[in-house]
Amino acid sequence: MMMNIFQGKLVSLVAEDPQVVADAYAQWNRNAEFKRLLDAEPAMLWSAKKIKEWLEKEMEESEPKFFSFQIRDLQSGKMIGFTGLGDLEWNHGDGWVGIGIGDSEYWGKGYGTEAMQLALRYAFTELNLHRVTLGVFDYNPRAIRSYEKAGFKLEGRLRGEMSRQGNRHDILIMGILRSEWEMA
């Protein structure tokens, strides 16, 4: 029997619906903690309309540069976050992954870890990547633990790379090779 590569025990990855994603992200974007854990850019409030327009433009690309998915809770069907693979270097077989669990009710309960495992399954079995990399802020220990559970290893540290409320913070670079993922 074939395994559904997009479904785990807690979550499923589904194709993005620009309107659903835009509405959810516009709401999550108002949560200062979520925004500070997700993005190094200056905080900006984007309207659902602007987010939808950006997503639709990205989806029109003839050669995908970014593969993105909604993360849905299997029990309720509710969209709780998003994940995506981008900055793909096909000739080298590598890319970057990003994830955000926007609904704080689902934080620290394994949903993000499982969603990351599904994204890695897609990266290694469908996209045939050799390695996947991510960046995470040093002040986000919950995410760091989740990535370690998924098999990522610390590969580097961009010291003092970003400023938050007058303090300098490091960005940690973590990666996983297909061979490491296969052994996990």
N, C-alpha and C. Protein backbone atom coordinates (compact mmCIF):
# COMPACT_ATOMS: atom_id res chain seq x y z
N MET A 1 0.84 -1.18 0.00
CA MET A 1 0.00 0.00 0.00
C MET A 1 0.89 1.25 0.00
N MET A 2 0.56 2.20 -0.83
CA MET A 2 1.33 3.44 -0.94
C MET A 2 1.07 4.34 0.26
N MET A 3 2.14 4.95 0.76
CA MET A 3 2.04 5.87 1.88
C MET A 3 1.65 7.25 1.36
N ASN A 4 0.80 7.95 2.09
CA ASN A 4 0.47 9.33 1.76
C ASN A 4 1.59 10.21 2.29
N ILE A 5 2.42 10.72 1.38
CA ILE A 5 3.58 11.50 1.81
C ILE A 5 3.20 12.83 2.43
N PHE A 6 1.96 13.23 2.27
CA PHE A 6 1.52 14.54 2.77
C PHE A 6 0.74 14.45 4.09
N GLN A 7 0.69 13.27 4.70
CA GLN A 7 -0.11 13.13 5.92
C GLN A 7 0.65 12.38 7.00
N GLY A 8 0.57 12.92 8.21
CA GLY A 8 1.13 12.26 9.38
C GLY A 8 0.02 11.86 10.32
N LYS A 9 0.34 11.74 11.61
CA LYS A 9 -0.66 11.38 12.61
C LYS A 9 -1.40 12.60 13.15
N LEU A 10 -0.72 13.76 13.11
CA LEU A 10 -1.31 14.99 13.64
C LEU A 10 -1.72 15.98 12.56
N VAL A 11 -0.93 16.05 11.49
CA VAL A 11 -1.14 17.08 10.48
C VAL A 11 -1.09 16.51 9.07
N SER A 12 -1.60 17.32 8.15
CA SER A 12 -1.43 17.04 6.73
C SER A 12 -0.95 18.31 6.06
N LEU A 13 -0.22 18.13 4.97
CA LEU A 13 0.19 19.25 4.13
C LEU A 13 -0.75 19.27 2.94
N VAL A 14 -1.31 20.43 2.65
CA VAL A 14 -2.23 20.56 1.53
C VAL A 14 -1.80 21.74 0.66
N ALA A 15 -2.25 21.70 -0.59
CA ALA A 15 -1.93 22.78 -1.52
C ALA A 15 -2.45 24.10 -0.96
N GLU A 16 -1.70 25.14 -1.23
CA GLU A 16 -2.10 26.45 -0.74
C GLU A 16 -3.28 26.99 -1.53
N ASP A 17 -4.26 27.50 -0.81
CA ASP A 17 -5.35 28.28 -1.38
C ASP A 17 -5.02 29.71 -1.02
N PRO A 18 -4.69 30.55 -2.00
CA PRO A 18 -4.22 31.90 -1.69
C PRO A 18 -5.11 32.70 -0.74
N GLN A 19 -6.42 32.56 -0.87
CA GLN A 19 -7.31 33.34 0.00
C GLN A 19 -7.26 32.84 1.43
N VAL A 20 -7.28 31.51 1.61
CA VAL A 20 -7.23 30.93 2.96
C VAL A 20 -5.92 31.30 3.65
N VAL A 21 -4.82 31.15 2.92
CA VAL A 21 -3.51 31.47 3.48
C VAL A 21 -3.42 32.95 3.81
N ALA A 22 -3.88 33.79 2.91
CA ALA A 22 -3.80 35.24 3.12
C ALA A 22 -4.59 35.66 4.35
N ASP A 23 -5.79 35.13 4.50
CA ASP A 23 -6.61 35.48 5.67
C ASP A 23 -5.95 35.03 6.97
N ALA A 24 -5.44 33.79 6.98
CA ALA A 24 -4.80 33.27 8.20
C ALA A 24 -3.52 34.04 8.51
N TYR A 25 -2.69 34.24 7.50
CA TYR A 25 -1.41 34.91 7.74
C TYR A 25 -1.62 36.35 8.19
N ALA A 26 -2.60 37.04 7.61
CA ALA A 26 -2.88 38.42 8.03
C ALA A 26 -3.26 38.45 9.52
N GLN A 27 -4.00 37.45 9.96
CA GLN A 27 -4.38 37.37 11.38
C GLN A 27 -3.16 37.03 12.25
N TRP A 28 -2.39 36.02 11.87
CA TRP A 28 -1.23 35.61 12.66
C TRP A 28 -0.18 36.71 12.71
N ASN A 29 -0.11 37.48 11.66
CA ASN A 29 0.88 38.55 11.55
C ASN A 29 0.68 39.61 12.64
N ARG A 30 -0.50 39.66 13.21
CA ARG A 30 -0.79 40.62 14.29
C ARG A 30 -0.25 40.14 15.64
N ASN A 31 0.14 38.87 15.71
CA ASN A 31 0.69 38.30 16.94
C ASN A 31 2.19 38.62 16.97
N ALA A 32 2.57 39.53 17.84
CA ALA A 32 3.97 40.00 17.89
C ALA A 32 4.94 38.85 18.14
N GLU A 33 4.58 37.90 19.00
CA GLU A 33 5.49 36.79 19.29
C GLU A 33 5.70 35.93 18.05
N PHE A 34 4.63 35.61 17.34
CA PHE A 34 4.75 34.83 16.11
C PHE A 34 5.64 35.56 15.11
N LYS A 35 5.40 36.84 14.93
CA LYS A 35 6.16 37.63 13.96
C LYS A 35 7.64 37.64 14.32
N ARG A 36 7.97 37.77 15.59
CA ARG A 36 9.37 37.83 16.02
C ARG A 36 10.07 36.47 15.95
N LEU A 37 9.31 35.40 16.01
CA LEU A 37 9.90 34.06 15.92
C LEU A 37 10.07 33.62 14.46
N LEU A 38 9.31 34.23 13.56
CA LEU A 38 9.29 33.80 12.17
C LEU A 38 10.24 34.56 11.28
N ASP A 39 10.35 35.86 11.47
CA ASP A 39 10.94 36.71 10.44
C ASP A 39 11.94 37.70 11.02
N ALA A 40 13.05 37.90 10.31
CA ALA A 40 14.06 38.87 10.74
C ALA A 40 13.78 40.26 10.20
N GLU A 41 12.83 40.37 9.30
CA GLU A 41 12.50 41.66 8.69
C GLU A 41 11.81 42.56 9.71
N PRO A 42 11.85 43.86 9.49
CA PRO A 42 11.10 44.76 10.36
C PRO A 42 9.61 44.39 10.32
N ALA A 43 8.96 44.48 11.46
CA ALA A 43 7.54 44.12 11.55
C ALA A 43 6.72 45.02 10.63
N MET A 44 5.91 44.40 9.81
CA MET A 44 5.00 45.11 8.92
C MET A 44 3.68 44.38 8.93
N LEU A 45 2.60 45.13 8.92
CA LEU A 45 1.28 44.52 8.83
C LEU A 45 0.85 44.53 7.37
N TRP A 46 0.68 43.35 6.82
CA TRP A 46 0.23 43.22 5.43
C TRP A 46 -1.24 42.85 5.45
N SER A 47 -1.98 43.43 4.55
CA SER A 47 -3.40 43.09 4.43
C SER A 47 -3.53 41.72 3.77
N ALA A 48 -4.67 41.08 4.01
CA ALA A 48 -4.93 39.79 3.37
C ALA A 48 -4.91 39.96 1.85
N LYS A 49 -5.40 41.09 1.35
CA LYS A 49 -5.42 41.33 -0.10
C LYS A 49 -4.00 41.34 -0.67
N LYS A 50 -3.09 42.04 0.00
CA LYS A 50 -1.71 42.12 -0.49
C LYS A 50 -1.02 40.76 -0.43
N ILE A 51 -1.25 40.01 0.64
CA ILE A 51 -0.66 38.68 0.77
C ILE A 51 -1.19 37.77 -0.33
N LYS A 52 -2.49 37.83 -0.59
CA LYS A 52 -3.09 37.01 -1.64
C LYS A 52 -2.49 37.35 -3.00
N GLU A 53 -2.32 38.62 -3.30
CA GLU A 53 -1.73 39.03 -4.58
C GLU A 53 -0.31 38.49 -4.72
N TRP A 54 0.47 38.57 -3.64
CA TRP A 54 1.85 38.05 -3.67
C TRP A 54 1.85 36.54 -3.93
N LEU A 55 0.98 35.80 -3.21
CA LEU A 55 0.91 34.35 -3.39
C LEU A 55 0.52 33.98 -4.81
N GLU A 56 -0.47 34.67 -5.36
CA GLU A 56 -0.92 34.37 -6.72
C GLU A 56 0.19 34.62 -7.73
N LYS A 57 0.96 35.67 -7.52
CA LYS A 57 2.08 35.96 -8.42
C LYS A 57 3.11 34.83 -8.35
N GLU A 58 3.42 34.37 -7.13
CA GLU A 58 4.38 33.28 -6.96
C GLU A 58 3.88 32.00 -7.63
N MET A 59 2.57 31.75 -7.56
CA MET A 59 2.01 30.52 -8.11
C MET A 59 1.98 30.54 -9.64
N GLU A 60 2.07 31.71 -10.24
CA GLU A 60 2.05 31.83 -11.70
C GLU A 60 3.37 31.45 -12.34
N GLU A 61 4.44 31.38 -11.58
CA GLU A 61 5.76 31.05 -12.13
C GLU A 61 5.69 29.72 -12.88
N SER A 62 6.25 29.68 -14.09
CA SER A 62 6.20 28.46 -14.88
C SER A 62 7.11 27.37 -14.29
N GLU A 63 8.27 27.76 -13.78
CA GLU A 63 9.15 26.81 -13.11
C GLU A 63 9.15 27.15 -11.63
N PRO A 64 8.55 26.26 -10.83
CA PRO A 64 8.45 26.58 -9.40
C PRO A 64 9.81 26.84 -8.77
N LYS A 65 9.88 27.93 -8.03
CA LYS A 65 11.09 28.25 -7.26
C LYS A 65 10.84 27.98 -5.78
N PHE A 66 9.58 27.77 -5.48
CA PHE A 66 9.18 27.60 -4.09
C PHE A 66 8.00 26.63 -4.05
N PHE A 67 8.09 25.61 -3.22
CA PHE A 67 7.01 24.65 -3.04
C PHE A 67 6.43 24.91 -1.65
N SER A 68 5.19 25.33 -1.60
CA SER A 68 4.62 25.71 -0.30
C SER A 68 3.31 24.98 -0.04
N PHE A 69 3.05 24.78 1.24
CA PHE A 69 1.89 24.01 1.67
C PHE A 69 1.25 24.65 2.90
N GLN A 70 -0.05 24.45 3.03
CA GLN A 70 -0.74 24.74 4.28
C GLN A 70 -0.50 23.55 5.21
N ILE A 71 -0.41 23.83 6.50
CA ILE A 71 -0.36 22.76 7.50
C ILE A 71 -1.74 22.74 8.14
N ARG A 72 -2.39 21.59 8.08
CA ARG A 72 -3.73 21.47 8.64
C ARG A 72 -3.75 20.41 9.74
N ASP A 73 -4.46 20.73 10.81
CA ASP A 73 -4.70 19.78 11.90
C ASP A 73 -5.60 18.67 11.35
N LEU A 74 -5.19 17.42 11.49
CA LEU A 74 -5.99 16.32 10.96
C LEU A 74 -7.34 16.19 11.64
N GLN A 75 -7.40 16.45 12.94
CA GLN A 75 -8.65 16.30 13.68
C GLN A 75 -9.72 17.29 13.23
N SER A 76 -9.34 18.57 13.18
CA SER A 76 -10.32 19.62 12.90
C SER A 76 -10.33 20.09 11.45
N GLY A 77 -9.25 19.82 10.72
CA GLY A 77 -9.13 20.33 9.36
C GLY A 77 -8.71 21.79 9.31
N LYS A 78 -8.46 22.37 10.47
CA LYS A 78 -8.11 23.79 10.57
C LYS A 78 -6.68 24.05 10.08
N MET A 79 -6.51 25.14 9.33
CA MET A 79 -5.17 25.54 8.93
C MET A 79 -4.47 26.12 10.15
N ILE A 80 -3.30 25.54 10.50
CA ILE A 80 -2.58 26.00 11.69
C ILE A 80 -1.22 26.59 11.36
N GLY A 81 -0.80 26.47 10.11
CA GLY A 81 0.50 27.00 9.74
C GLY A 81 0.81 26.77 8.29
N PHE A 82 2.08 26.92 7.96
CA PHE A 82 2.54 26.76 6.58
C PHE A 82 3.98 26.28 6.59
N THR A 83 4.37 25.67 5.50
CA THR A 83 5.75 25.26 5.30
C THR A 83 6.08 25.37 3.82
N GLY A 84 7.36 25.49 3.54
CA GLY A 84 7.74 25.57 2.14
C GLY A 84 9.22 25.30 1.94
N LEU A 85 9.53 24.90 0.74
CA LEU A 85 10.91 24.64 0.32
C LEU A 85 11.24 25.62 -0.79
N GLY A 86 12.36 26.32 -0.64
CA GLY A 86 12.74 27.32 -1.62
C GLY A 86 14.24 27.43 -1.78
N ASP A 87 14.67 28.46 -2.51
CA ASP A 87 16.09 28.65 -2.82
C ASP A 87 16.71 27.34 -3.30
N LEU A 88 15.99 26.68 -4.18
CA LEU A 88 16.41 25.36 -4.66
C LEU A 88 17.54 25.50 -5.68
N GLU A 89 18.58 24.74 -5.45
CA GLU A 89 19.71 24.64 -6.37
C GLU A 89 19.66 23.23 -6.94
N TRP A 90 18.94 23.08 -8.05
CA TRP A 90 18.71 21.75 -8.60
C TRP A 90 20.01 21.04 -8.95
N ASN A 91 20.98 21.78 -9.48
CA ASN A 91 22.23 21.14 -9.88
C ASN A 91 23.03 20.61 -8.69
N HIS A 92 22.81 21.16 -7.51
CA HIS A 92 23.50 20.69 -6.31
C HIS A 92 22.60 19.82 -5.43
N GLY A 93 21.30 19.84 -5.70
CA GLY A 93 20.37 19.04 -4.91
C GLY A 93 20.16 19.58 -3.51
N ASP A 94 20.13 20.92 -3.39
CA ASP A 94 19.88 21.46 -2.05
C ASP A 94 18.86 22.58 -2.09
N GLY A 95 18.32 22.86 -0.92
CA GLY A 95 17.33 23.91 -0.78
C GLY A 95 17.16 24.28 0.68
N TRP A 96 16.35 25.30 0.89
CA TRP A 96 16.05 25.80 2.24
C TRP A 96 14.60 25.49 2.57
N VAL A 97 14.34 25.25 3.83
CA VAL A 97 12.99 24.99 4.29
C VAL A 97 12.61 26.06 5.31
N GLY A 98 11.35 26.40 5.31
CA GLY A 98 10.80 27.32 6.31
C GLY A 98 9.49 26.77 6.82
N ILE A 99 9.16 27.13 8.04
CA ILE A 99 7.91 26.65 8.63
C ILE A 99 7.42 27.69 9.62
N GLY A 100 6.12 27.78 9.76
CA GLY A 100 5.52 28.64 10.77
C GLY A 100 4.23 28.04 11.25
N ILE A 101 4.11 27.83 12.54
CA ILE A 101 2.84 27.42 13.14
C ILE A 101 2.24 28.70 13.70
N GLY A 102 1.27 29.24 12.99
CA GLY A 102 0.73 30.54 13.34
C GLY A 102 -0.25 30.52 14.49
N ASP A 103 -0.93 29.40 14.68
CA ASP A 103 -1.92 29.29 15.74
C ASP A 103 -1.21 28.83 17.02
N SER A 104 -1.05 29.74 17.97
CA SER A 104 -0.27 29.45 19.18
C SER A 104 -0.86 28.32 20.02
N GLU A 105 -2.11 28.00 19.82
CA GLU A 105 -2.74 26.87 20.52
C GLU A 105 -2.02 25.55 20.17
N TYR A 106 -1.32 25.52 19.05
CA TYR A 106 -0.65 24.31 18.58
C TYR A 106 0.85 24.32 18.84
N TRP A 107 1.36 25.32 19.51
CA TRP A 107 2.80 25.41 19.79
C TRP A 107 3.20 24.40 20.86
N GLY A 108 4.38 23.80 20.69
CA GLY A 108 4.95 22.92 21.71
C GLY A 108 4.25 21.59 21.87
N LYS A 109 3.47 21.17 20.87
CA LYS A 109 2.71 19.92 20.98
C LYS A 109 3.05 18.91 19.90
N GLY A 110 4.13 19.17 19.15
CA GLY A 110 4.58 18.21 18.14
C GLY A 110 4.05 18.44 16.74
N TYR A 111 3.16 19.40 16.57
CA TYR A 111 2.59 19.65 15.24
C TYR A 111 3.65 20.18 14.27
N GLY A 112 4.48 21.09 14.74
CA GLY A 112 5.53 21.65 13.89
C GLY A 112 6.58 20.61 13.54
N THR A 113 6.95 19.78 14.52
CA THR A 113 7.93 18.72 14.27
C THR A 113 7.42 17.77 13.20
N GLU A 114 6.16 17.35 13.32
CA GLU A 114 5.62 16.43 12.33
C GLU A 114 5.50 17.09 10.96
N ALA A 115 5.08 18.35 10.92
CA ALA A 115 5.00 19.06 9.64
C ALA A 115 6.37 19.16 8.99
N MET A 116 7.41 19.40 9.79
CA MET A 116 8.76 19.46 9.25
C MET A 116 9.17 18.10 8.70
N GLN A 117 8.83 17.04 9.41
CA GLN A 117 9.16 15.70 8.92
C GLN A 117 8.48 15.41 7.58
N LEU A 118 7.24 15.88 7.42
CA LEU A 118 6.54 15.71 6.14
C LEU A 118 7.20 16.54 5.04
N ALA A 119 7.61 17.76 5.38
CA ALA A 119 8.29 18.61 4.39
C ALA A 119 9.60 17.95 3.95
N LEU A 120 10.32 17.36 4.90
CA LEU A 120 11.57 16.67 4.56
C LEU A 120 11.30 15.43 3.70
N ARG A 121 10.25 14.71 4.02
CA ARG A 121 9.89 13.55 3.20
C ARG A 121 9.66 13.99 1.76
N TYR A 122 8.95 15.09 1.58
CA TYR A 122 8.70 15.62 0.24
C TYR A 122 10.02 16.05 -0.42
N ALA A 123 10.85 16.75 0.33
CA ALA A 123 12.12 17.24 -0.22
C ALA A 123 13.01 16.11 -0.71
N PHE A 124 13.11 15.05 0.09
CA PHE A 124 14.04 13.98 -0.24
C PHE A 124 13.46 12.92 -1.18
N THR A 125 12.16 12.64 -1.10
CA THR A 125 11.60 11.58 -1.95
C THR A 125 11.00 12.10 -3.24
N GLU A 126 10.43 13.29 -3.24
CA GLU A 126 9.80 13.82 -4.44
C GLU A 126 10.69 14.79 -5.21
N LEU A 127 11.37 15.67 -4.49
CA LEU A 127 12.24 16.65 -5.15
C LEU A 127 13.65 16.12 -5.34
N ASN A 128 13.93 14.97 -4.72
CA ASN A 128 15.23 14.31 -4.85
C ASN A 128 16.39 15.19 -4.39
N LEU A 129 16.17 15.96 -3.32
CA LEU A 129 17.23 16.81 -2.79
C LEU A 129 18.23 15.97 -2.01
N HIS A 130 19.45 16.48 -1.92
CA HIS A 130 20.52 15.84 -1.15
C HIS A 130 20.61 16.43 0.25
N ARG A 131 20.33 17.73 0.38
CA ARG A 131 20.41 18.39 1.69
C ARG A 131 19.35 19.48 1.77
N VAL A 132 18.95 19.76 3.00
CA VAL A 132 17.99 20.83 3.29
C VAL A 132 18.55 21.64 4.45
N THR A 133 18.45 22.96 4.32
CA THR A 133 19.01 23.89 5.29
C THR A 133 17.90 24.80 5.82
N LEU A 134 18.11 25.31 7.02
CA LEU A 134 17.20 26.32 7.57
C LEU A 134 17.97 27.28 8.46
N GLY A 135 17.37 28.39 8.75
CA GLY A 135 17.91 29.36 9.70
C GLY A 135 16.91 29.55 10.82
N VAL A 136 17.41 29.67 12.04
CA VAL A 136 16.54 29.85 13.21
C VAL A 136 17.21 30.83 14.17
N PHE A 137 16.41 31.65 14.80
CA PHE A 137 16.93 32.64 15.74
C PHE A 137 17.35 31.96 17.04
N ASP A 138 18.45 32.43 17.62
CA ASP A 138 18.97 31.80 18.84
C ASP A 138 18.02 31.93 20.02
N TYR A 139 17.07 32.85 19.96
CA TYR A 139 16.13 33.02 21.07
C TYR A 139 14.85 32.20 20.89
N ASN A 140 14.89 31.21 20.01
CA ASN A 140 13.72 30.36 19.78
C ASN A 140 14.05 28.90 20.10
N PRO A 141 14.25 28.59 21.40
CA PRO A 141 14.66 27.22 21.76
C PRO A 141 13.62 26.16 21.40
N ARG A 142 12.34 26.52 21.41
CA ARG A 142 11.30 25.55 21.06
C ARG A 142 11.50 25.08 19.61
N ALA A 143 11.77 26.01 18.70
CA ALA A 143 11.99 25.63 17.30
C ALA A 143 13.29 24.83 17.15
N ILE A 144 14.33 25.25 17.84
CA ILE A 144 15.62 24.53 17.75
C ILE A 144 15.43 23.07 18.17
N ARG A 145 14.73 22.84 19.29
CA ARG A 145 14.47 21.46 19.74
C ARG A 145 13.67 20.68 18.70
N SER A 146 12.67 21.34 18.11
CA SER A 146 11.85 20.69 17.10
C SER A 146 12.68 20.28 15.89
N TYR A 147 13.56 21.16 15.45
CA TYR A 147 14.41 20.85 14.30
C TYR A 147 15.39 19.72 14.62
N GLU A 148 15.93 19.73 15.83
CA GLU A 148 16.82 18.64 16.24
C GLU A 148 16.07 17.31 16.25
N LYS A 149 14.82 17.31 16.72
CA LYS A 149 14.01 16.08 16.72
C LYS A 149 13.80 15.58 15.29
N ALA A 150 13.70 16.51 14.34
CA ALA A 150 13.50 16.13 12.94
C ALA A 150 14.81 15.68 12.28
N GLY A 151 15.95 15.81 13.00
CA GLY A 151 17.22 15.33 12.49
C GLY A 151 18.21 16.40 12.05
N PHE A 152 17.84 17.66 12.16
CA PHE A 152 18.75 18.74 11.77
C PHE A 152 19.93 18.83 12.73
N LYS A 153 21.07 19.22 12.19
CA LYS A 153 22.28 19.44 12.99
C LYS A 153 22.73 20.89 12.82
N LEU A 154 23.29 21.43 13.89
CA LEU A 154 23.83 22.79 13.84
C LEU A 154 25.04 22.80 12.92
N GLU A 155 25.03 23.70 11.95
CA GLU A 155 26.14 23.79 10.99
C GLU A 155 26.88 25.11 11.08
N GLY A 156 26.25 26.11 11.63
CA GLY A 156 26.92 27.40 11.71
C GLY A 156 26.12 28.41 12.51
N ARG A 157 26.76 29.52 12.77
CA ARG A 157 26.15 30.58 13.58
C ARG A 157 26.54 31.92 12.96
N LEU A 158 25.55 32.69 12.59
CA LEU A 158 25.78 34.05 12.11
C LEU A 158 25.70 34.96 13.33
N ARG A 159 26.86 35.27 13.89
CA ARG A 159 26.93 35.99 15.16
C ARG A 159 26.45 37.43 15.01
N GLY A 160 25.57 37.83 15.92
CA GLY A 160 25.07 39.20 15.94
C GLY A 160 24.40 39.63 14.65
N GLU A 161 23.84 38.69 13.93
CA GLU A 161 23.27 38.94 12.60
C GLU A 161 22.05 39.86 12.62
N MET A 162 21.29 39.82 13.70
CA MET A 162 20.07 40.62 13.70
C MET A 162 19.89 41.37 15.01
N SER A 163 19.09 42.40 14.93
CA SER A 163 18.81 43.23 16.10
C SER A 163 17.32 43.13 16.43
N ARG A 164 17.03 42.90 17.68
CA ARG A 164 15.66 42.87 18.17
C ARG A 164 15.59 43.71 19.43
N GLN A 165 14.82 44.77 19.39
CA GLN A 165 14.58 45.63 20.55
C GLN A 165 15.89 46.03 21.23
N GLY A 166 16.86 46.41 20.41
CA GLY A 166 18.12 46.91 20.93
C GLY A 166 19.14 45.86 21.30
N ASN A 167 18.83 44.60 21.13
CA ASN A 167 19.76 43.51 21.44
C ASN A 167 20.17 42.78 20.16
N ARG A 168 21.42 42.35 20.10
CA ARG A 168 21.92 41.59 18.97
C ARG A 168 21.66 40.10 19.21
N HIS A 169 21.30 39.40 18.15
CA HIS A 169 21.02 37.97 18.24
C HIS A 169 21.69 37.24 17.09
N ASP A 170 22.00 35.98 17.35
CA ASP A 170 22.59 35.11 16.33
C ASP A 170 21.49 34.42 15.55
N ILE A 171 21.80 34.10 14.30
CA ILE A 171 20.96 33.21 13.52
C ILE A 171 21.73 31.91 13.38
N LEU A 172 21.10 30.81 13.78
CA LEU A 172 21.73 29.50 13.70
C LEU A 172 21.37 28.87 12.36
N ILE A 173 22.35 28.30 11.70
CA ILE A 173 22.14 27.59 10.45
C ILE A 173 22.17 26.10 10.76
N MET A 174 21.09 25.43 10.40
CA MET A 174 20.97 24.00 10.65
C MET A 174 20.72 23.29 9.32
N GLY A 175 21.19 22.06 9.22
CA GLY A 175 21.00 21.31 7.99
C GLY A 175 20.83 19.83 8.24
N ILE A 176 20.30 19.17 7.23
CA ILE A 176 20.14 17.72 7.28
C ILE A 176 20.41 17.17 5.88
N LEU A 177 21.14 16.06 5.83
CA LEU A 177 21.41 15.36 4.58
C LEU A 177 20.40 14.24 4.39
N ARG A 178 20.17 13.88 3.15
CA ARG A 178 19.22 12.79 2.88
C ARG A 178 19.63 11.53 3.64
N SER A 179 20.93 11.20 3.67
CA SER A 179 21.39 9.99 4.36
C SER A 179 21.07 10.05 5.85
N GLU A 180 21.15 11.22 6.46
CA GLU A 180 20.80 11.38 7.88
C GLU A 180 19.30 11.20 8.08
N TRP A 181 18.52 11.76 7.16
CA TRP A 181 17.06 11.65 7.23
C TRP A 181 16.64 10.19 7.09
N GLU A 182 17.29 9.46 6.19
CA GLU A 182 16.95 8.05 5.97
C GLU A 182 17.25 7.20 7.19
N MET A 183 18.26 7.58 7.97
CA MET A 183 18.63 6.81 9.17
C MET A 183 17.76 7.17 10.38
N ALA A 184 17.08 8.29 10.33
CA ALA A 184 16.29 8.75 11.49
C ALA A 184 15.02 7.94 11.65
